[in-house]
């Protein structure tokens, strides 16, 4: 595929949305057509599944049932959004992807790694990120940030934000373990610093890993 696929992972309050928006703006200024998407979600059917899960309706069914639902959403997301964009030569920035299932339902949710492997193999069908940024910070800091965001918006926590601190601490370790086992794909970014500093670290990593994206594109950005 002609496009590039970049995912962002991390615990609650890590600042993924902020950094994805900043990176999209920066890439587009250089003439790289870029789309932003998310998981669960990113396609009409996947968004419906997202609402069902994050509202807590799937929690009584257990982590494996949630993993199945995430996988179903991911298949539709890939078919309807990610793969077509990559074939069209666009850069895809995705807020969470398969690593989230491995971290949330796998290491933190007790679903066996072999089952997670099988679900990934079926869902991804060979489509994997070129680069994954794992935004890392202490769970306590991330939850505090998430709480401040909820207060500003007048919202409550979702299915996962409401989990105990121990869950989020285990989640952080799970992400670091994922990065350790896939160093060529993953880059751990210290998210316990200012947004500008995080952005600079992401850009420096991108320049090292996918340098063509940090340069002006040969063709101008298409104007819809």
Protein backbone atom coordinates (compact mmCIF):
# COMPACT_ATOMS: atom_id res chain seq x y z
CA UNK A 1 0.00 0.00 0.00
CA UNK A 2 1.18 3.51 -0.82
CA UNK A 3 0.10 5.19 2.42
CA UNK A 4 1.58 5.10 5.90
CA UNK A 5 -0.23 3.78 8.97
CA UNK A 6 0.67 5.33 12.34
CA UNK A 7 -1.06 4.44 15.60
CA UNK A 8 -1.08 6.10 19.01
CA UNK A 9 -1.43 4.09 22.20
CA UNK A 10 -1.32 4.77 25.92
CA UNK A 11 -3.34 4.87 29.09
CA UNK A 12 -6.11 7.28 29.99
CA UNK A 13 -5.12 10.94 29.91
CA UNK A 14 -1.92 10.35 27.94
CA UNK A 15 -2.72 13.12 25.45
CA UNK A 16 -3.18 11.01 22.32
CA UNK A 17 -5.90 13.20 20.80
CA UNK A 18 -3.85 16.37 21.22
CA UNK A 19 -0.76 14.86 19.62
CA UNK A 20 -2.69 13.27 16.77
CA UNK A 21 -4.24 16.64 15.90
CA UNK A 22 -0.84 18.34 16.02
CA UNK A 23 0.79 15.70 13.86
CA UNK A 24 -2.02 15.81 11.30
CA UNK A 25 -1.68 19.58 10.98
CA UNK A 26 2.07 19.32 10.60
CA UNK A 27 1.92 16.59 7.97
CA UNK A 28 -0.72 18.41 5.96
CA UNK A 29 1.35 21.60 5.95
CA UNK A 30 4.06 19.53 4.27
CA UNK A 31 1.58 18.30 1.67
CA UNK A 32 0.92 14.79 2.99
CA UNK A 33 -2.80 13.86 2.73
CA UNK A 34 -3.71 12.62 6.20
CA UNK A 35 -6.80 11.22 7.90
CA UNK A 36 -7.50 10.78 11.61
CA UNK A 37 -9.52 7.87 12.93
CA UNK A 38 -9.99 5.99 16.20
CA UNK A 39 -10.71 2.69 17.88
CA UNK A 40 -13.08 1.42 18.80
CA UNK A 41 -14.88 3.26 16.02
CA UNK A 42 -13.79 4.80 12.76
CA UNK A 43 -16.68 3.43 10.68
CA UNK A 44 -20.47 3.56 11.21
CA UNK A 45 -20.78 -0.01 12.49
CA UNK A 46 -17.65 0.24 14.60
CA UNK A 47 -18.95 3.44 16.19
CA UNK A 48 -22.11 1.61 17.27
CA UNK A 49 -19.98 -1.11 18.87
CA UNK A 50 -17.88 1.60 20.54
CA UNK A 51 -20.93 3.10 22.24
CA UNK A 52 -22.08 -0.31 23.46
CA UNK A 53 -18.68 -1.11 24.99
CA UNK A 54 -17.78 2.26 26.50
CA UNK A 55 -21.20 2.63 28.08
CA UNK A 56 -20.39 -0.55 30.01
CA UNK A 57 -22.97 -2.87 28.43
CA UNK A 58 -20.35 -5.47 27.50
CA UNK A 59 -18.51 -5.48 30.84
CA UNK A 60 -20.76 -8.15 32.46
CA UNK A 61 -19.88 -10.48 29.57
CA UNK A 62 -16.19 -10.44 30.52
CA UNK A 63 -12.90 -9.43 28.86
CA UNK A 64 -13.02 -12.09 26.14
CA UNK A 65 -16.45 -10.97 24.94
CA UNK A 66 -15.16 -7.39 24.88
CA UNK A 67 -12.14 -8.52 22.89
CA UNK A 68 -14.45 -10.18 20.36
CA UNK A 69 -16.46 -6.98 20.03
CA UNK A 70 -13.33 -4.89 19.57
CA UNK A 71 -12.20 -7.34 16.90
CA UNK A 72 -15.51 -7.11 15.03
CA UNK A 73 -15.28 -3.32 15.13
CA UNK A 74 -11.65 -3.46 13.93
CA UNK A 75 -12.50 -5.62 10.93
CA UNK A 76 -15.15 -3.14 9.77
CA UNK A 77 -12.86 -0.20 10.53
CA UNK A 78 -10.07 -1.68 8.41
CA UNK A 79 -12.40 -2.57 5.54
CA UNK A 80 -14.29 0.72 5.42
CA UNK A 81 -11.73 3.32 6.49
CA UNK A 82 -8.10 2.34 7.01
CA UNK A 83 -7.33 0.10 4.03
CA UNK A 84 -9.05 2.35 1.44
CA UNK A 85 -7.15 5.38 2.75
CA UNK A 86 -3.81 3.55 2.62
CA UNK A 87 -4.51 2.36 -0.91
CA UNK A 88 -5.22 5.98 -1.83
CA UNK A 89 -1.77 6.97 -0.58
CA UNK A 90 -2.93 8.77 2.54
CA UNK A 91 -1.27 8.75 5.94
CA UNK A 92 -3.60 7.25 8.55
CA UNK A 93 -3.29 8.40 12.17
CA UNK A 94 -5.28 6.12 14.47
CA UNK A 95 -6.11 6.76 18.12
CA UNK A 96 -5.69 3.19 19.46
CA UNK A 97 -5.53 -0.01 17.46
CA UNK A 98 -4.79 -3.70 18.05
CA UNK A 99 -2.30 -3.01 20.85
CA UNK A 100 -5.16 -1.67 22.94
CA UNK A 101 -6.92 -5.02 22.83
CA UNK A 102 -3.70 -6.75 23.82
CA UNK A 103 -3.20 -4.34 26.72
CA UNK A 104 -6.74 -3.82 27.99
CA UNK A 105 -8.28 -7.26 27.48
CA UNK A 106 -5.04 -9.23 27.36
CA UNK A 107 -2.47 -8.27 29.95
CA UNK A 108 -4.90 -6.26 32.08
CA UNK A 109 -8.06 -8.22 31.35
CA UNK A 110 -6.75 -11.78 31.63
CA UNK A 111 -7.52 -12.96 28.08
CA UNK A 112 -4.81 -15.47 27.11
CA UNK A 113 -2.10 -14.11 24.77
CA UNK A 114 -2.70 -17.00 22.35
CA UNK A 115 -6.34 -15.94 21.96
CA UNK A 116 -5.31 -12.33 21.41
CA UNK A 117 -2.84 -13.54 18.75
CA UNK A 118 -5.62 -15.42 16.97
CA UNK A 119 -7.96 -12.44 17.04
CA UNK A 120 -5.25 -10.16 15.68
CA UNK A 121 -4.42 -12.56 12.88
CA UNK A 122 -8.05 -12.73 11.77
CA UNK A 123 -8.80 -9.03 12.11
CA UNK A 124 -5.64 -7.48 10.71
CA UNK A 125 -5.18 -9.82 7.73
CA UNK A 126 -1.65 -8.48 7.30
CA UNK A 127 -2.39 -4.78 7.81
CA UNK A 128 -0.16 -3.56 10.62
CA UNK A 129 1.06 -0.10 11.65
CA UNK A 130 4.31 1.21 10.22
CA UNK A 131 4.90 3.00 13.50
CA UNK A 132 3.22 2.99 16.92
CA UNK A 133 3.73 5.79 19.41
CA UNK A 134 3.15 4.67 22.99
CA UNK A 135 2.58 7.73 25.15
CA UNK A 136 3.78 6.73 28.59
CA UNK A 137 3.13 8.38 31.94
CA UNK A 138 2.28 7.26 35.50
CA UNK A 139 -1.27 5.97 35.82
CA UNK A 140 -2.01 8.43 38.63
CA UNK A 141 -1.06 11.37 36.42
CA UNK A 142 -3.11 10.11 33.49
CA UNK A 143 -6.21 9.53 35.59
CA UNK A 144 -5.90 13.00 37.10
CA UNK A 145 -5.75 14.51 33.62
CA UNK A 146 -8.73 12.44 32.51
CA UNK A 147 -10.66 13.60 35.55
CA UNK A 148 -9.91 17.24 34.77
CA UNK A 149 -11.07 16.73 31.19
CA UNK A 150 -14.31 15.14 32.35
CA UNK A 151 -14.93 18.02 34.75
CA UNK A 152 -14.44 20.60 31.98
CA UNK A 153 -16.90 18.77 29.74
CA UNK A 154 -19.32 17.93 32.54
CA UNK A 155 -19.05 14.22 31.73
CA UNK A 156 -18.45 11.06 33.74
CA UNK A 157 -15.82 8.41 33.09
CA UNK A 158 -16.31 5.69 30.50
CA UNK A 159 -16.14 1.93 30.99
CA UNK A 160 -12.33 1.90 31.33
CA UNK A 161 -11.66 5.25 32.96
CA UNK A 162 -13.75 4.08 35.91
CA UNK A 163 -11.53 1.04 36.57
CA UNK A 164 -9.41 0.92 39.73
CA UNK A 165 -5.92 2.43 39.85
CA UNK A 166 -4.36 -1.05 39.90
CA UNK A 167 -5.93 -1.78 36.50
CA UNK A 168 -4.37 1.34 34.99
CA UNK A 169 -1.00 0.59 36.55
CA UNK A 170 -1.10 -2.88 35.00
CA UNK A 171 -2.13 -1.29 31.71
CA UNK A 172 0.95 0.92 31.69
CA UNK A 173 3.19 -2.09 32.23
CA UNK A 174 1.38 -3.95 29.46
CA UNK A 175 2.10 -1.17 26.98
CA UNK A 176 5.76 -1.03 27.95
CA UNK A 177 5.95 -4.79 27.47
CA UNK A 178 4.40 -4.46 24.01
CA UNK A 179 7.02 -1.86 23.11
CA UNK A 180 9.81 -4.08 24.42
CA UNK A 181 8.64 -6.98 22.25
CA UNK A 182 8.20 -4.88 19.10
CA UNK A 183 11.00 -2.27 19.18
CA UNK A 184 11.15 -1.81 15.41
CA UNK A 185 7.48 -0.78 15.27
CA UNK A 186 6.97 0.89 18.66
CA UNK A 187 8.43 4.08 20.10
CA UNK A 188 7.83 4.97 23.74
CA UNK A 189 7.33 8.71 24.27
CA UNK A 190 7.51 10.30 27.71
CA UNK A 191 4.05 11.90 28.00
CA UNK A 192 4.72 13.28 31.49
CA UNK A 193 5.89 16.62 30.09
CA UNK A 194 4.42 19.55 28.21
CA UNK A 195 2.43 19.03 25.01
CA UNK A 196 5.09 20.93 23.07
CA UNK A 197 7.84 18.66 24.39
CA UNK A 198 5.81 15.55 23.55
CA UNK A 199 5.20 16.88 20.05
CA UNK A 200 8.90 17.52 19.56
CA UNK A 201 9.76 13.98 20.66
CA UNK A 202 7.17 12.50 18.31
CA UNK A 203 8.47 14.54 15.37
CA UNK A 204 12.08 13.57 16.09
CA UNK A 205 11.09 9.90 16.16
CA UNK A 206 9.11 10.24 12.94
CA UNK A 207 12.10 11.89 11.25
CA UNK A 208 14.20 8.89 12.27
CA UNK A 209 11.69 6.12 11.48
CA UNK A 210 9.76 7.47 8.45
CA UNK A 211 11.86 10.42 7.23
CA UNK A 212 9.89 10.97 4.01
CA UNK A 213 6.91 12.13 6.06
CA UNK A 214 8.93 14.94 7.63
CA UNK A 215 9.80 16.40 4.23
CA UNK A 216 7.68 18.25 1.69
CA UNK A 217 5.63 15.91 -0.48
CA UNK A 218 6.45 15.75 -4.17
CA UNK A 219 2.81 16.35 -5.08
CA UNK A 220 0.60 19.08 -3.59
CA UNK A 221 -2.10 18.27 -1.09
CA UNK A 222 -5.36 17.50 -2.85
CA UNK A 223 -8.04 20.07 -2.20
CA UNK A 224 -11.53 18.58 -1.91
